[in-house]
Amino acid sequence: MELWPTNSVEWPLNIQFEILGIIFGRSFLQVAEFFLDKFVNQITFFLFFPPWDHWLSPPHNSHKLSNQPFH
């Protein structure tokens, strides 16, 4: 018994799409979860360390800020 029929039209299309959906759906969910995780990390980082703190800081502080490592 062949795994792939020679004429793929013999297969009901919905079964093919179901198999494709399972294969791609799983990998898509993993990729989406990965990017969502990164995105949430970025958002929380910006909430706690907003960049506009540095943008709005007065210019005379800039030489002090540049001496601090994580700025």
N, C-alpha and C. Protein backbone atom coordinates (compact mmCIF):
# COMPACT_ATOMS: atom_id res chain seq x y z
N MET A 1 0.85 -1.20 0.00
CA MET A 1 0.00 0.00 0.00
C MET A 1 0.88 1.25 0.00
N GLU A 2 0.66 2.12 -0.98
CA GLU A 2 1.48 3.33 -1.06
C GLU A 2 1.01 4.36 -0.04
N LEU A 3 1.97 5.10 0.47
CA LEU A 3 1.61 6.18 1.38
C LEU A 3 0.99 7.34 0.59
N TRP A 4 1.62 7.68 -0.55
CA TRP A 4 1.08 8.74 -1.40
C TRP A 4 0.48 8.10 -2.65
N PRO A 5 -0.81 8.21 -2.86
CA PRO A 5 -1.42 7.68 -4.08
C PRO A 5 -0.83 8.39 -5.30
N THR A 6 -0.69 7.66 -6.41
CA THR A 6 -0.10 8.26 -7.61
C THR A 6 -0.94 9.43 -8.09
N ASN A 7 -2.25 9.30 -7.99
CA ASN A 7 -3.13 10.40 -8.39
C ASN A 7 -3.68 11.03 -7.12
N SER A 8 -3.15 12.21 -6.77
CA SER A 8 -3.51 12.80 -5.49
C SER A 8 -4.96 13.26 -5.46
N VAL A 9 -5.59 13.37 -6.64
CA VAL A 9 -6.99 13.80 -6.67
C VAL A 9 -7.89 12.71 -6.09
N GLU A 10 -7.40 11.47 -6.08
CA GLU A 10 -8.18 10.39 -5.47
C GLU A 10 -8.46 10.67 -4.00
N TRP A 11 -7.53 11.35 -3.37
CA TRP A 11 -7.73 11.69 -1.96
C TRP A 11 -8.83 12.74 -1.85
N PRO A 12 -9.68 12.62 -0.85
CA PRO A 12 -10.59 13.75 -0.57
C PRO A 12 -9.76 14.97 -0.18
N LEU A 13 -10.12 16.10 -0.75
CA LEU A 13 -9.30 17.30 -0.54
C LEU A 13 -9.26 17.70 0.93
N ASN A 14 -10.39 17.53 1.62
CA ASN A 14 -10.41 18.01 3.00
C ASN A 14 -9.43 17.23 3.87
N ILE A 15 -9.16 15.96 3.54
CA ILE A 15 -8.17 15.21 4.31
C ILE A 15 -6.78 15.78 4.07
N GLN A 16 -6.49 16.12 2.80
CA GLN A 16 -5.20 16.73 2.50
C GLN A 16 -5.03 18.04 3.27
N PHE A 17 -6.07 18.86 3.23
CA PHE A 17 -5.97 20.14 3.92
C PHE A 17 -5.86 19.95 5.43
N GLU A 18 -6.53 18.90 5.92
CA GLU A 18 -6.45 18.64 7.35
C GLU A 18 -5.02 18.29 7.75
N ILE A 19 -4.39 17.44 6.93
CA ILE A 19 -3.00 17.05 7.23
C ILE A 19 -2.08 18.27 7.13
N LEU A 20 -2.26 19.05 6.07
CA LEU A 20 -1.46 20.27 5.92
C LEU A 20 -1.70 21.21 7.09
N GLY A 21 -2.97 21.32 7.49
CA GLY A 21 -3.29 22.20 8.61
C GLY A 21 -2.62 21.76 9.90
N ILE A 22 -2.59 20.44 10.11
CA ILE A 22 -1.93 19.94 11.33
C ILE A 22 -0.44 20.26 11.29
N ILE A 23 0.18 19.98 10.12
CA ILE A 23 1.63 20.20 10.02
C ILE A 23 1.95 21.69 10.16
N PHE A 24 1.27 22.52 9.34
CA PHE A 24 1.59 23.95 9.36
C PHE A 24 1.03 24.62 10.60
N GLY A 25 -0.13 24.16 11.07
CA GLY A 25 -0.72 24.77 12.25
C GLY A 25 0.19 24.65 13.46
N ARG A 26 0.79 23.48 13.63
CA ARG A 26 1.66 23.29 14.79
C ARG A 26 2.87 24.18 14.70
N SER A 27 3.54 24.17 13.53
CA SER A 27 4.75 24.98 13.41
C SER A 27 4.40 26.46 13.50
N PHE A 28 3.24 26.84 12.93
CA PHE A 28 2.83 28.24 13.00
C PHE A 28 2.59 28.65 14.44
N LEU A 29 1.95 27.78 15.22
CA LEU A 29 1.70 28.10 16.62
C LEU A 29 3.01 28.27 17.38
N GLN A 30 3.97 27.40 17.10
CA GLN A 30 5.26 27.52 17.79
C GLN A 30 5.94 28.83 17.43
N VAL A 31 5.93 29.17 16.13
CA VAL A 31 6.56 30.42 15.70
C VAL A 31 5.83 31.61 16.29
N ALA A 32 4.49 31.56 16.24
CA ALA A 32 3.70 32.67 16.78
C ALA A 32 3.94 32.82 18.27
N GLU A 33 4.00 31.70 18.97
CA GLU A 33 4.24 31.75 20.41
C GLU A 33 5.60 32.36 20.70
N PHE A 34 6.59 31.97 19.90
CA PHE A 34 7.94 32.50 20.07
C PHE A 34 7.95 34.01 19.89
N PHE A 35 7.33 34.49 18.79
CA PHE A 35 7.35 35.93 18.52
C PHE A 35 6.51 36.69 19.54
N LEU A 36 5.38 36.08 19.96
CA LEU A 36 4.55 36.73 20.96
C LEU A 36 5.33 36.89 22.26
N ASP A 37 6.11 35.86 22.61
CA ASP A 37 6.94 35.91 23.80
C ASP A 37 7.93 37.06 23.70
N LYS A 38 8.62 37.15 22.56
CA LYS A 38 9.58 38.23 22.35
C LYS A 38 8.88 39.59 22.44
N PHE A 39 7.70 39.67 21.79
CA PHE A 39 6.96 40.93 21.74
C PHE A 39 6.56 41.37 23.14
N VAL A 40 6.05 40.42 23.93
CA VAL A 40 5.63 40.75 25.30
C VAL A 40 6.82 41.20 26.12
N ASN A 41 7.96 40.54 25.92
CA ASN A 41 9.16 40.96 26.63
C ASN A 41 9.54 42.38 26.26
N GLN A 42 9.46 42.71 24.97
CA GLN A 42 9.77 44.07 24.52
C GLN A 42 8.82 45.07 25.16
N ILE A 43 7.52 44.74 25.14
CA ILE A 43 6.52 45.67 25.70
C ILE A 43 6.78 45.91 27.18
N THR A 44 6.99 44.83 27.94
CA THR A 44 7.20 45.01 29.37
C THR A 44 8.50 45.78 29.61
N PHE A 45 9.51 45.53 28.79
CA PHE A 45 10.76 46.27 28.94
C PHE A 45 10.52 47.76 28.73
N PHE A 46 9.74 48.11 27.70
CA PHE A 46 9.47 49.52 27.42
C PHE A 46 8.61 50.14 28.50
N LEU A 47 7.74 49.33 29.11
CA LEU A 47 6.91 49.88 30.19
C LEU A 47 7.77 50.23 31.39
N PHE A 48 8.76 49.38 31.69
CA PHE A 48 9.56 49.62 32.88
C PHE A 48 10.75 50.55 32.60
N PHE A 49 11.27 50.50 31.37
CA PHE A 49 12.38 51.37 31.01
C PHE A 49 12.01 52.14 29.74
N PRO A 50 11.12 53.11 29.85
CA PRO A 50 10.68 53.81 28.64
C PRO A 50 11.81 54.63 28.04
N PRO A 51 11.96 54.59 26.72
CA PRO A 51 13.05 55.35 26.10
C PRO A 51 12.88 56.86 26.23
N TRP A 52 11.61 57.31 26.35
CA TRP A 52 11.41 58.76 26.40
C TRP A 52 11.96 59.35 27.70
N ASP A 53 12.29 58.52 28.70
CA ASP A 53 12.98 59.05 29.88
C ASP A 53 14.29 59.69 29.47
N HIS A 54 15.00 59.04 28.55
CA HIS A 54 16.27 59.59 28.11
C HIS A 54 16.04 60.76 27.15
N TRP A 55 15.02 60.63 26.28
CA TRP A 55 14.78 61.69 25.31
C TRP A 55 14.38 62.99 26.00
N LEU A 56 13.58 62.88 27.07
CA LEU A 56 13.06 64.08 27.72
C LEU A 56 14.02 64.62 28.77
N SER A 57 15.07 63.87 29.06
CA SER A 57 15.98 64.36 30.10
C SER A 57 16.69 65.61 29.59
N PRO A 58 16.88 66.59 30.47
CA PRO A 58 17.51 67.86 30.04
C PRO A 58 18.94 67.62 29.53
N PRO A 59 19.40 68.45 28.61
CA PRO A 59 20.70 68.23 27.96
C PRO A 59 21.87 68.27 28.94
N HIS A 60 21.78 69.07 30.00
CA HIS A 60 22.93 69.17 30.89
C HIS A 60 23.16 67.88 31.68
N ASN A 61 22.18 66.95 31.64
CA ASN A 61 22.39 65.65 32.29
C ASN A 61 23.10 64.68 31.37
N SER A 62 23.24 65.02 30.10
CA SER A 62 23.68 64.02 29.12
C SER A 62 25.09 63.52 29.44
N HIS A 63 25.97 64.37 29.94
CA HIS A 63 27.32 63.89 30.20
C HIS A 63 27.32 62.92 31.39
N LYS A 64 26.39 63.12 32.35
CA LYS A 64 26.29 62.17 33.46
C LYS A 64 25.75 60.83 32.96
N LEU A 65 24.73 60.89 32.10
CA LEU A 65 24.11 59.66 31.61
C LEU A 65 25.11 58.83 30.81
N SER A 66 25.96 59.50 30.04
CA SER A 66 26.87 58.76 29.17
C SER A 66 27.90 57.99 29.98
N ASN A 67 28.15 58.40 31.24
CA ASN A 67 29.11 57.67 32.06
C ASN A 67 28.51 56.41 32.66
N GLN A 68 27.18 56.33 32.72
CA GLN A 68 26.55 55.15 33.31
C GLN A 68 26.53 54.02 32.30
N PRO A 69 26.90 52.81 32.72
CA PRO A 69 26.99 51.71 31.74
C PRO A 69 25.69 51.41 31.04
N PHE A 70 24.61 51.10 31.69
CA PHE A 70 23.47 50.53 30.98
C PHE A 70 22.54 51.59 30.41
N HIS A 71 23.07 52.68 29.92
CA HIS A 71 22.18 53.71 29.35
C HIS A 71 22.30 53.73 27.84
